[in-house]
Protein backbone atom coordinates (compact mmCIF):
# COMPACT_ATOMS: atom_id res chain seq x y z
CA UNK A 1 35.93 -27.74 -31.02
CA UNK A 2 32.24 -28.67 -31.34
CA UNK A 3 29.64 -25.99 -30.77
CA UNK A 4 27.20 -26.49 -27.93
CA UNK A 5 24.15 -26.73 -30.15
CA UNK A 6 20.76 -27.94 -28.94
CA UNK A 7 19.80 -31.43 -30.05
CA UNK A 8 16.88 -32.13 -32.34
CA UNK A 9 14.91 -33.37 -29.33
CA UNK A 10 15.53 -30.10 -27.46
CA UNK A 11 14.44 -28.08 -30.45
CA UNK A 12 11.30 -30.16 -30.80
CA UNK A 13 10.47 -29.71 -27.10
CA UNK A 14 10.94 -25.95 -27.42
CA UNK A 15 8.73 -25.79 -30.49
CA UNK A 16 5.90 -27.82 -28.95
CA UNK A 17 6.01 -25.82 -25.69
CA UNK A 18 5.92 -22.57 -27.65
CA UNK A 19 2.92 -23.80 -29.65
CA UNK A 20 1.09 -24.83 -26.49
CA UNK A 21 1.53 -21.38 -24.93
CA UNK A 22 0.59 -19.71 -28.21
CA UNK A 23 -2.68 -21.66 -28.25
CA UNK A 24 -3.26 -20.72 -24.61
CA UNK A 25 -2.69 -17.06 -25.48
CA UNK A 26 -5.15 -17.21 -28.39
CA UNK A 27 -7.77 -18.98 -26.32
CA UNK A 28 -7.60 -16.35 -23.61
CA UNK A 29 -7.74 -13.57 -26.17
CA UNK A 30 -10.89 -14.98 -27.79
CA UNK A 31 -12.69 -15.51 -24.48
CA UNK A 32 -11.44 -12.42 -22.64
CA UNK A 33 -11.15 -9.65 -25.19
CA UNK A 34 -10.79 -6.99 -22.49
CA UNK A 35 -7.33 -8.46 -21.79
CA UNK A 36 -6.09 -7.99 -25.35
CA UNK A 37 -3.51 -5.27 -24.67
CA UNK A 38 -2.33 -6.86 -21.43
CA UNK A 39 -1.84 -10.20 -23.19
CA UNK A 40 0.29 -8.51 -25.83
CA UNK A 41 2.45 -6.82 -23.17
CA UNK A 42 3.21 -9.89 -21.09
CA UNK A 43 6.66 -11.10 -22.09
CA UNK A 44 6.88 -14.90 -22.42
CA UNK A 45 10.31 -16.52 -22.79
CA UNK A 46 11.71 -20.03 -22.75
CA UNK A 47 14.20 -20.74 -20.00
CA UNK A 48 15.40 -24.33 -19.94
CA UNK A 49 16.47 -26.52 -17.02
CA UNK A 50 14.99 -24.28 -14.31
CA UNK A 51 12.56 -26.91 -13.07
CA UNK A 52 9.98 -24.16 -12.53
CA UNK A 53 8.16 -21.32 -14.24
CA UNK A 54 9.46 -17.93 -13.12
CA UNK A 55 7.69 -14.58 -12.95
CA UNK A 56 9.54 -11.26 -12.47
CA UNK A 57 6.61 -8.85 -12.39
CA UNK A 58 6.31 -8.32 -16.15
CA UNK A 59 7.44 -11.55 -17.80
CA UNK A 60 6.88 -15.30 -17.63
CA UNK A 61 9.94 -17.54 -18.05
CA UNK A 62 8.80 -21.11 -18.62
CA UNK A 63 10.65 -24.40 -18.50
CA UNK A 64 9.59 -26.23 -21.70
CA UNK A 65 10.15 -29.75 -20.35
CA UNK A 66 8.14 -29.02 -17.21
CA UNK A 67 5.38 -27.42 -19.26
CA UNK A 68 5.03 -30.48 -21.50
CA UNK A 69 4.81 -32.79 -18.49
CA UNK A 70 2.12 -30.61 -16.93
CA UNK A 71 0.29 -30.34 -20.26
CA UNK A 72 0.26 -34.14 -20.57
CA UNK A 73 -1.47 -34.45 -17.18
CA UNK A 74 -3.74 -31.40 -17.57
CA UNK A 75 -4.27 -30.08 -21.13
CA UNK A 76 -5.63 -26.79 -19.71
CA UNK A 77 -2.58 -26.20 -17.54
CA UNK A 78 -0.84 -23.85 -19.99
CA UNK A 79 -3.83 -21.51 -20.22
CA UNK A 80 -4.15 -21.57 -16.44
CA UNK A 81 -0.46 -20.70 -16.02
CA UNK A 82 -0.72 -17.92 -18.62
CA UNK A 83 -3.79 -16.33 -16.99
CA UNK A 84 -2.39 -16.78 -13.48
CA UNK A 85 0.78 -14.87 -14.35
CA UNK A 86 -1.09 -12.21 -16.31
CA UNK A 87 -3.38 -11.47 -13.36
CA UNK A 88 -0.31 -11.02 -11.14
CA UNK A 89 0.78 -8.26 -13.53
CA UNK A 90 -2.63 -6.62 -13.76
CA UNK A 91 -3.01 -6.58 -9.97
CA UNK A 92 0.55 -5.19 -9.43
CA UNK A 93 1.53 -8.11 -7.20
CA UNK A 94 5.22 -7.86 -8.07
CA UNK A 95 5.63 -4.25 -6.93
CA UNK A 96 6.33 -2.72 -3.51
CA UNK A 97 7.13 -6.03 -1.86
CA UNK A 98 10.09 -4.72 0.15
CA UNK A 99 7.92 -3.69 3.13
CA UNK A 100 5.94 -6.93 3.23
CA UNK A 101 6.42 -10.38 4.65
CA UNK A 102 7.25 -12.12 1.38
CA UNK A 103 6.04 -15.56 2.46
CA UNK A 104 2.59 -14.25 3.38
CA UNK A 105 2.40 -11.90 0.39
CA UNK A 106 3.33 -14.65 -2.10
CA UNK A 107 0.65 -16.92 -0.66
CA UNK A 108 -1.96 -14.14 -0.57
CA UNK A 109 -1.34 -13.14 -4.19
CA UNK A 110 -1.54 -16.70 -5.49
CA UNK A 111 -4.84 -17.32 -3.67
CA UNK A 112 -6.28 -13.99 -4.86
CA UNK A 113 -5.41 -14.77 -8.48
CA UNK A 114 -6.80 -18.30 -8.31
CA UNK A 115 -10.03 -17.07 -6.71
CA UNK A 116 -10.45 -14.64 -9.63
CA UNK A 117 -9.88 -17.45 -12.12
CA UNK A 118 -12.46 -19.59 -10.36
CA UNK A 119 -15.05 -16.82 -10.59
CA UNK A 120 -14.31 -16.18 -14.27
CA UNK A 121 -14.76 -19.93 -14.81
CA UNK A 122 -13.46 -20.38 -18.35
CA UNK A 123 -13.60 -23.87 -19.80
CA UNK A 124 -10.05 -23.65 -21.15
CA UNK A 125 -8.59 -22.93 -17.65
CA UNK A 126 -10.43 -25.60 -15.64
CA UNK A 127 -8.36 -28.22 -13.84
CA UNK A 128 -9.25 -31.41 -11.97
CA UNK A 129 -8.23 -29.83 -8.64
CA UNK A 130 -10.71 -26.95 -8.93
CA UNK A 131 -13.46 -28.52 -6.81
CA UNK A 132 -11.13 -28.89 -3.84
CA UNK A 133 -9.85 -25.34 -4.39
CA UNK A 134 -13.34 -23.83 -4.45
CA UNK A 135 -14.25 -25.50 -1.16
CA UNK A 136 -11.18 -24.08 0.56
CA UNK A 137 -11.75 -20.63 -0.96
CA UNK A 138 -15.30 -20.47 0.44
CA UNK A 139 -14.03 -21.20 3.94
CA UNK A 140 -11.17 -18.72 3.69
CA UNK A 141 -13.45 -15.96 2.36
CA UNK A 142 -15.59 -16.18 5.50
CA UNK A 143 -12.49 -15.98 7.68
CA UNK A 144 -10.72 -13.14 5.85
CA UNK A 145 -13.76 -11.12 4.80
CA UNK A 146 -12.63 -11.05 1.18
CA UNK A 147 -10.10 -12.63 -1.16
CA UNK A 148 -8.07 -9.76 -2.56
CA UNK A 149 -4.35 -10.08 -1.97
CA UNK A 150 -4.39 -7.11 0.41
CA UNK A 151 -7.19 -8.52 2.59
CA UNK A 152 -5.61 -11.96 2.64
CA UNK A 153 -2.25 -10.52 3.59
CA UNK A 154 -3.78 -8.66 6.53
CA UNK A 155 -5.60 -11.84 7.55
CA UNK A 156 -2.41 -13.91 7.44
CA UNK A 157 -0.61 -11.37 9.62
CA UNK A 158 -3.20 -12.00 12.33
CA UNK A 159 -3.94 -15.67 11.64
CA UNK A 160 -0.61 -17.13 10.55
CA UNK A 161 -1.18 -20.22 8.37
CA UNK A 162 0.32 -23.47 9.58
CA UNK A 163 3.00 -25.19 7.52
CA UNK A 164 0.49 -27.85 6.53
CA UNK A 165 -1.99 -25.19 5.37
CA UNK A 166 0.72 -23.46 3.36
CA UNK A 167 1.62 -26.73 1.65
CA UNK A 168 -2.01 -27.42 0.76
CA UNK A 169 -2.51 -23.90 -0.64
CA UNK A 170 0.77 -24.24 -2.53
CA UNK A 171 -0.44 -27.39 -4.28
CA UNK A 172 -3.72 -25.77 -5.27
CA UNK A 173 -2.65 -22.22 -6.15
CA UNK A 174 1.04 -22.08 -7.01
CA UNK A 175 1.99 -21.87 -10.68
CA UNK A 176 4.97 -19.52 -10.96
CA UNK A 177 7.94 -18.74 -8.76
CA UNK A 178 8.15 -15.12 -7.57
CA UNK A 179 11.94 -15.08 -7.31
CA UNK A 180 12.51 -11.87 -9.26
CA UNK A 181 9.83 -9.63 -7.74
CA UNK A 182 12.46 -7.47 -6.04
CA UNK A 183 14.16 -6.62 -9.36
CA UNK A 184 11.66 -3.91 -10.26
CA UNK A 185 14.28 -1.65 -11.85
CA UNK A 186 14.87 -4.27 -14.54
CA UNK A 187 11.26 -4.59 -15.66
CA UNK A 188 10.39 -3.48 -19.18
CA UNK A 189 6.99 -2.18 -18.13
CA UNK A 190 6.83 0.21 -15.22
CA UNK A 191 4.10 0.11 -12.61
CA UNK A 192 2.66 3.28 -14.14
CA UNK A 193 2.25 1.51 -17.49
CA UNK A 194 0.59 -1.51 -15.91
CA UNK A 195 -1.67 0.89 -14.01
CA UNK A 196 -2.89 2.35 -17.31
CA UNK A 197 -3.61 -1.14 -18.57
CA UNK A 198 -5.45 -2.03 -15.37
CA UNK A 199 -7.53 1.13 -15.53
CA UNK A 200 -8.53 0.24 -19.08
CA UNK A 201 -9.39 -3.33 -18.08
CA UNK A 202 -11.50 -2.03 -15.20
CA UNK A 203 -13.49 0.10 -17.63
CA UNK A 204 -13.83 -2.65 -20.26
CA UNK A 205 -14.84 -5.23 -17.70
CA UNK A 206 -18.30 -3.69 -17.26
CA UNK A 207 -19.24 -4.39 -20.85
CA UNK A 208 -17.54 -7.81 -20.91
CA UNK A 209 -19.31 -9.54 -18.05
CA UNK A 210 -23.05 -10.02 -18.29
CA UNK A 211 -23.03 -11.96 -15.04
CA UNK A 212 -21.93 -9.61 -12.24
CA UNK A 213 -20.81 -12.50 -10.02
CA UNK A 214 -18.28 -13.66 -12.60
CA UNK A 215 -16.47 -10.31 -12.47
CA UNK A 216 -16.75 -9.46 -8.77
CA UNK A 217 -13.33 -10.75 -7.72
CA UNK A 218 -11.66 -9.20 -10.76
CA UNK A 219 -13.25 -5.83 -9.98
CA UNK A 220 -12.25 -5.97 -6.31
CA UNK A 221 -8.64 -6.82 -7.12
CA UNK A 222 -8.47 -4.11 -9.79
CA UNK A 223 -9.90 -1.61 -7.34
CA UNK A 224 -7.21 -2.50 -4.80
CA UNK A 225 -4.49 -2.42 -7.46
CA UNK A 226 -5.44 0.94 -8.95
CA UNK A 227 -6.29 2.67 -5.70
CA UNK A 228 -4.11 5.68 -5.00
CA UNK A 229 -1.34 5.06 -2.47
CA UNK A 230 -0.20 7.89 -0.23
CA UNK A 231 3.13 8.92 1.22
CA UNK A 232 2.21 9.74 4.80
CA UNK A 233 5.49 11.53 5.49
CA UNK A 234 4.92 13.85 2.52
CA UNK A 235 1.32 14.34 3.51
CA UNK A 236 2.24 15.36 7.07
CA UNK A 237 4.32 18.24 5.72
CA UNK A 238 1.11 19.88 4.50
CA UNK A 239 0.24 20.47 8.12
CA UNK A 240 3.43 22.32 8.95
CA UNK A 241 3.38 25.95 10.00
CA UNK A 242 5.91 28.69 9.35
CA UNK A 243 8.19 29.52 12.24
CA UNK A 244 11.63 30.90 13.02
CA UNK A 245 14.77 28.98 13.79
CA UNK A 246 17.97 30.59 15.04
CA UNK A 247 20.46 29.77 12.31
CA UNK A 248 22.31 31.43 9.44
CA UNK A 249 20.18 31.98 6.38
CA UNK A 250 22.66 30.97 3.69
CA UNK A 251 20.30 31.98 0.91
CA UNK A 252 20.45 35.66 1.90
CA UNK A 253 23.99 35.92 3.27
CA UNK A 254 26.88 37.07 1.06
CA UNK A 255 30.18 35.72 2.40
CA UNK A 256 32.29 37.76 -0.05
CA UNK A 257 31.38 41.13 1.50
CA UNK A 258 31.48 39.66 4.97
CA UNK A 259 35.04 38.33 4.66
CA UNK A 260 36.17 41.47 2.78
CA UNK A 261 35.13 43.65 5.74
CA UNK A 262 36.93 41.42 8.22
CA UNK A 263 40.09 41.42 6.12
CA UNK A 264 40.07 45.19 5.45
CA UNK A 265 38.73 46.64 8.68
CA UNK A 266 39.63 44.00 11.23
CA UNK A 267 36.61 42.95 13.28
CA UNK A 268 34.15 45.03 11.28
CA UNK A 269 32.24 42.83 8.79
CA UNK A 270 30.37 44.75 6.11
CA UNK A 271 27.35 42.44 6.31
CA UNK A 272 25.98 40.71 9.40
CA UNK A 273 24.63 37.19 8.92
CA UNK A 274 20.86 36.90 9.17
CA UNK A 275 20.28 34.87 12.30
CA UNK A 276 16.70 33.92 11.49
CA UNK A 277 15.11 32.23 8.55
CA UNK A 278 11.67 30.82 7.97
CA UNK A 279 11.39 27.06 8.09
CA UNK A 280 8.46 24.69 7.58
CA UNK A 281 8.23 22.94 10.91
CA UNK A 282 5.56 21.50 13.11
CA UNK A 283 4.70 23.56 16.18
CA UNK A 284 0.96 23.83 16.96
CA UNK A 285 -0.71 20.56 16.08
CA UNK A 286 -3.59 18.29 17.14
CA UNK A 287 -3.76 14.53 16.76
CA UNK A 288 -7.23 13.16 17.52
CA UNK A 289 -7.61 9.44 18.11
CA UNK A 290 -10.91 7.62 17.73
CA UNK A 291 -10.92 5.23 20.70
CA UNK A 292 -14.28 3.65 19.90
CA UNK A 293 -14.58 -0.11 20.15
CA UNK A 294 -13.98 -0.56 16.41
CA UNK A 295 -10.43 0.89 16.53
CA UNK A 296 -7.96 -1.71 17.79
CA UNK A 297 -5.46 -0.53 20.35
CA UNK A 298 -2.37 -1.92 18.62
CA UNK A 299 -3.23 -0.17 15.35
CA UNK A 300 -3.75 3.15 17.14
CA UNK A 301 -0.42 2.75 18.91
CA UNK A 302 1.25 1.93 15.58
CA UNK A 303 -0.26 5.04 13.97
CA UNK A 304 0.97 7.26 16.81
CA UNK A 305 4.41 5.69 16.59
CA UNK A 306 4.55 6.24 12.83
CA UNK A 307 3.47 9.87 13.24
CA UNK A 308 6.07 10.37 15.96
CA UNK A 309 8.79 8.81 13.80
CA UNK A 310 8.06 11.35 11.07
CA UNK A 311 7.68 14.32 13.38
CA UNK A 312 10.86 13.66 15.34
CA UNK A 313 13.05 14.32 12.31
CA UNK A 314 14.93 17.52 13.09
CA UNK A 315 14.08 19.24 9.82
CA UNK A 316 10.36 18.83 10.44
CA UNK A 317 10.13 19.40 14.16
CA UNK A 318 10.64 22.35 16.50
CA UNK A 319 12.56 21.72 19.70
CA UNK A 320 9.68 23.43 21.50
CA UNK A 321 6.30 22.26 20.28
CA UNK A 322 2.65 22.39 21.24
CA UNK A 323 1.03 19.12 20.22
CA UNK A 324 -2.23 17.91 21.77
CA UNK A 325 -3.05 14.20 21.53
CA UNK A 326 -6.80 14.02 22.13
CA UNK A 327 -8.56 10.70 22.71
CA UNK A 328 -12.27 10.66 22.02
CA UNK A 329 -15.14 8.24 21.44
CA UNK A 330 -18.52 9.93 21.95
CA UNK A 331 -16.81 12.50 24.18
CA UNK A 332 -13.30 13.73 24.85
CA UNK A 333 -11.66 11.18 27.16
CA UNK A 334 -8.15 12.55 27.51
CA UNK A 335 -5.94 15.38 26.26
CA UNK A 336 -2.19 14.94 26.51
CA UNK A 337 -0.18 18.09 25.86
CA UNK A 338 3.29 17.59 24.41
CA UNK A 339 5.76 20.49 24.51
CA UNK A 340 9.07 18.72 23.81
CA UNK A 341 10.40 15.48 22.44
CA UNK A 342 10.99 13.94 25.83
CA UNK A 343 7.30 14.24 26.71
CA UNK A 344 6.29 12.71 23.40
CA UNK A 345 8.67 9.80 23.91
CA UNK A 346 7.32 9.35 27.43
CA UNK A 347 3.76 9.26 26.10
CA UNK A 348 4.73 6.70 23.47
CA UNK A 349 6.19 4.47 26.17
CA UNK A 350 3.53 4.82 28.86
CA UNK A 351 0.44 6.33 27.23
CA UNK A 352 -2.86 4.48 27.66
CA UNK A 353 -5.88 4.51 25.37
CA UNK A 354 -9.19 5.33 27.04
CA UNK A 355 -12.78 5.30 25.88
CA UNK A 356 -13.98 2.51 23.57
CA UNK A 357 -17.59 3.66 23.34
CA UNK A 358 -19.51 4.92 20.31
CA UNK A 359 -18.03 7.55 17.99
CA UNK A 360 -18.84 11.23 17.62
CA UNK A 361 -16.30 13.53 15.95
CA UNK A 362 -17.94 16.79 17.04
CA UNK A 363 -16.68 16.91 20.67
CA UNK A 364 -13.05 17.09 19.50
CA UNK A 365 -13.73 20.12 17.31
CA UNK A 366 -15.68 21.83 20.10
CA UNK A 367 -12.83 21.11 22.50
CA UNK A 368 -10.21 22.48 20.08
CA UNK A 369 -12.30 25.65 19.65
CA UNK A 370 -12.29 26.06 23.42
CA UNK A 371 -8.49 25.66 23.52
CA UNK A 372 -8.12 28.32 20.85
CA UNK A 373 -10.34 30.72 22.77
CA UNK A 374 -8.07 30.17 25.77
CA UNK A 375 -5.05 31.10 23.59
CA UNK A 376 -3.61 27.61 23.86
CA UNK A 377 -2.36 27.76 20.25
CA UNK A 378 -0.36 30.52 18.56
CA UNK A 379 -1.12 29.26 15.07
CA UNK A 380 -2.97 25.98 14.83
CA UNK A 381 -2.44 24.73 11.29
CA UNK A 382 -3.87 21.24 11.33
CA UNK A 383 -5.78 18.44 13.00
CA UNK A 384 -5.33 14.78 12.15
CA UNK A 385 -8.21 12.48 13.11
CA UNK A 386 -7.39 8.77 13.05
CA UNK A 387 -10.63 6.81 12.81
CA UNK A 388 -12.62 4.05 11.11
CA UNK A 389 -14.98 6.69 9.75
CA UNK A 390 -18.11 5.58 11.57
CA UNK A 391 -19.13 8.69 13.47
CA UNK A 392 -20.99 11.99 13.33
CA UNK A 393 -19.08 14.72 11.48
CA UNK A 394 -19.36 18.44 12.35
CA UNK A 395 -21.42 20.50 9.95
CA UNK A 396 -19.28 23.64 9.89
CA UNK A 397 -15.83 23.94 8.34
CA UNK A 398 -13.10 25.05 10.79
CA UNK A 399 -10.50 27.65 9.78
CA UNK A 400 -7.61 25.16 10.02
CA UNK A 401 -6.77 22.11 7.94
CA UNK A 402 -8.44 18.83 8.91
CA UNK A 403 -7.58 15.35 7.70
CA UNK A 404 -9.43 12.16 8.55
CA UNK A 405 -7.07 9.20 8.31
CA UNK A 406 -8.56 5.78 7.56
CA UNK A 407 -7.01 2.35 7.42
CA UNK A 408 -9.04 1.15 4.46
CA UNK A 409 -11.70 2.18 1.98
CA UNK A 410 -15.19 1.50 3.31
CA UNK A 411 -18.08 2.37 1.02
CA UNK A 412 -20.59 1.86 3.84
CA UNK A 413 -19.01 4.46 6.15
CA UNK A 414 -20.52 7.98 6.31
CA UNK A 415 -19.17 10.37 3.70
CA UNK A 416 -16.32 12.65 4.75
CA UNK A 417 -17.27 16.37 4.68
CA UNK A 418 -16.13 18.12 1.48
CA UNK A 419 -13.97 20.53 3.49
CA UNK A 420 -11.89 17.74 5.06
CA UNK A 421 -8.97 15.85 3.56
CA UNK A 422 -9.55 12.12 3.24
CA UNK A 423 -6.43 9.97 3.61
CA UNK A 424 -6.35 6.18 3.39
CA UNK A 425 -3.30 4.33 4.72
CA UNK A 426 -2.36 0.68 4.52
CA UNK A 427 -2.41 -1.17 7.83
CA UNK A 428 0.75 -3.08 6.97
CA UNK A 429 2.55 0.16 6.09
CA UNK A 430 1.67 1.65 9.46
CA UNK A 431 2.79 -1.43 11.34
CA UNK A 432 6.04 -1.81 9.38
CA UNK A 433 7.16 1.81 9.59
CA UNK A 434 6.05 2.28 13.19
CA UNK A 435 8.83 -0.10 14.21
CA UNK A 436 11.58 2.09 12.82
CA UNK A 437 12.78 5.30 14.50
């Protein structure tokens, strides 16, 4: 029986393709020394007869025959493919895709990477299609407000690209298939390891680029990639107060003595079960909503729905509660008091947003102080303020926890007071999770 050995032609194709990618690697290393460690960590493997180049989040699997054909048409194609895939890794594009619309995310990441390559503008990565790509990128940047993957994804959720537009972007920006992005548990490098590499690149980039414009897109994407993500459900637990629930405290109850008393003395247990135990649950709580013109109604509704979804979990929520949902722009517009789940569900179904003027945070705090003076709260632990950040903050620190929740980082917005917690959530995370109860 003959062994299934590769032919001499196959071996030659493999060798030439490997040499082409090796030269591409060396060229990138010479011209972009700040990527040295990242280039060494990107796994590159030959995978024949796939008809495409595949990327799994940490490795590039190339089809040697396809690569040679592309190289024949565009000698710089290999370096472009190499850098394209590497930037996907550096920007964490293959992680946390389970909550996203994959079609829009794939398109957004490819465009973001190609925009970065255009700004870097290396001779060894230039292709004949770059002029057409730059023209389209300029138009899209004006529409989306920026060309990071995150901004593009949000833009595509609102302005869904047509099939024709997707095809045109695909021809200009698509280099590797993202088929394996969901197999994160199989990656050699974890997201934490790529984060360390990205942090290093972000630091080295300042000394690399003499022309600020050539590094702007890289810096913006690295900032998005390395920005801290927050678990809103875990964060909300910080605002819980201690209270009592009527249930057996298993930690302090000894069943051995209890059953011994029943067995020996009939109905006389030696130890009574403790009926009460302390539990971290939400009781007195304030949710303030900025209803100024800059806060869109659907996003506010999604935030309230997400908060409700977390709060309604039995282990985090008293049956009897005292939650005030306060709507405010430059003044308090409405206060809805919620004392039980049914009222909260009713508000989520029928509640209306009011206001939409300018923003001033101070009236909410003054109003909450008034409620406390009137003994409206037994033990107010926290206030969440959902806002865009453009408003007047109070000068004095209250004696309860305060968190200002923002949808995105905005360097131009007024600085949050040092006594307040600053929390930044992703718009797509709010919208996705708000649909699940």
